[in-house]
């Protein structure tokens, strides 16, 4: 039957467009995240006392320090593993030429 492909394409596009309408929007997600932030005890920066702001800054400093340490450790592990693989490959190539 002629035109069958066009109709199938039209139906698939309609389904695709309807699936976009059923997804939650950015603003729905933003509201969920802000509600979760307030439940964890993070005060509003405009209404927070200087002590609370300093505690927040200290928490961010600690997180930044931990992330930096994790990044350095992962780079060191990657370098060591790369060097081990290269040395193993060079050893195997050298053995192949000797035999």
Protein backbone atom coordinates (compact mmCIF):
# COMPACT_ATOMS: atom_id res chain seq x y z
CA UNK A 1 0.00 0.00 0.00
CA UNK A 2 1.57 3.31 -1.06
CA UNK A 3 2.23 5.94 1.60
CA UNK A 4 2.61 3.38 4.35
CA UNK A 5 6.06 4.62 5.36
CA UNK A 6 4.89 8.20 5.65
CA UNK A 7 2.03 7.26 7.95
CA UNK A 8 4.32 5.15 10.12
CA UNK A 9 6.74 8.09 10.34
CA UNK A 10 3.89 10.43 11.29
CA UNK A 11 2.71 8.09 14.04
CA UNK A 12 6.22 7.69 15.45
CA UNK A 13 6.72 11.48 15.48
CA UNK A 14 3.42 11.98 17.29
CA UNK A 15 4.44 9.43 19.93
CA UNK A 16 7.79 11.11 20.30
CA UNK A 17 6.26 14.56 20.72
CA UNK A 18 3.76 13.26 23.28
CA UNK A 19 6.58 11.72 25.28
CA UNK A 20 8.19 15.17 25.55
CA UNK A 21 4.96 16.56 26.96
CA UNK A 22 4.81 13.89 29.66
CA UNK A 23 8.31 14.55 30.98
CA UNK A 24 8.70 16.88 33.98
CA UNK A 25 10.06 20.27 33.09
CA UNK A 26 13.20 21.99 34.35
CA UNK A 27 11.21 24.07 36.79
CA UNK A 28 9.68 20.97 38.38
CA UNK A 29 13.17 19.58 38.97
CA UNK A 30 14.39 22.90 40.32
CA UNK A 31 11.59 22.99 42.87
CA UNK A 32 12.44 19.46 44.00
CA UNK A 33 16.12 20.34 44.43
CA UNK A 34 15.43 23.51 46.38
CA UNK A 35 13.01 21.66 48.66
CA UNK A 36 15.64 18.99 49.27
CA UNK A 37 18.24 21.65 50.03
CA UNK A 38 16.04 23.30 52.63
CA UNK A 39 15.27 19.93 54.23
CA UNK A 40 18.99 19.25 54.72
CA UNK A 41 19.37 22.34 56.83
CA UNK A 42 21.04 24.68 54.36
CA UNK A 43 19.78 28.14 55.29
CA UNK A 44 18.84 30.85 52.86
CA UNK A 45 22.05 32.87 52.24
CA UNK A 46 20.18 36.16 52.55
CA UNK A 47 18.79 35.28 55.98
CA UNK A 48 21.74 33.28 57.34
CA UNK A 49 23.84 34.48 60.24
CA UNK A 50 27.58 35.03 59.76
CA UNK A 51 28.27 31.83 61.72
CA UNK A 52 26.04 29.80 59.40
CA UNK A 53 27.67 31.35 56.34
CA UNK A 54 31.12 30.49 57.69
CA UNK A 55 29.97 26.91 58.34
CA UNK A 56 28.73 26.68 54.74
CA UNK A 57 32.03 28.07 53.44
CA UNK A 58 33.97 25.58 55.53
CA UNK A 59 31.85 22.73 54.22
CA UNK A 60 32.54 23.85 50.64
CA UNK A 61 36.27 24.11 51.38
CA UNK A 62 36.31 20.58 52.78
CA UNK A 63 34.43 19.22 49.76
CA UNK A 64 36.79 21.03 47.39
CA UNK A 65 39.80 19.64 49.26
CA UNK A 66 38.39 16.10 49.15
CA UNK A 67 37.66 16.41 45.42
CA UNK A 68 41.18 17.66 44.77
CA UNK A 69 42.68 14.75 46.72
CA UNK A 70 40.50 12.27 44.81
CA UNK A 71 41.57 13.81 41.49
CA UNK A 72 45.27 13.58 42.40
CA UNK A 73 44.90 9.98 43.53
CA UNK A 74 43.07 9.00 40.33
CA UNK A 75 45.76 10.67 38.17
CA UNK A 76 48.52 8.89 40.09
CA UNK A 77 46.75 5.54 39.72
CA UNK A 78 46.25 6.16 35.99
CA UNK A 79 49.92 7.06 35.52
CA UNK A 80 51.17 4.05 37.46
CA UNK A 81 48.89 1.68 35.56
CA UNK A 82 49.93 3.20 32.21
CA UNK A 83 53.61 2.84 33.06
CA UNK A 84 53.08 -0.77 34.16
CA UNK A 85 51.26 -1.59 30.92
CA UNK A 86 53.97 0.05 28.81
CA UNK A 87 56.74 -1.77 30.67
CA UNK A 88 54.93 -5.07 30.27
CA UNK A 89 54.44 -4.44 26.54
CA UNK A 90 58.10 -3.50 26.07
CA UNK A 91 59.18 -6.62 27.94
CA UNK A 92 56.96 -8.84 25.77
CA UNK A 93 58.23 -7.20 22.55
CA UNK A 94 61.85 -7.62 23.68
CA UNK A 95 61.21 -11.30 24.45
CA UNK A 96 59.64 -11.80 21.02
CA UNK A 97 62.74 -10.45 19.26
CA UNK A 98 65.14 -12.48 21.42
CA UNK A 99 63.39 -15.78 20.70
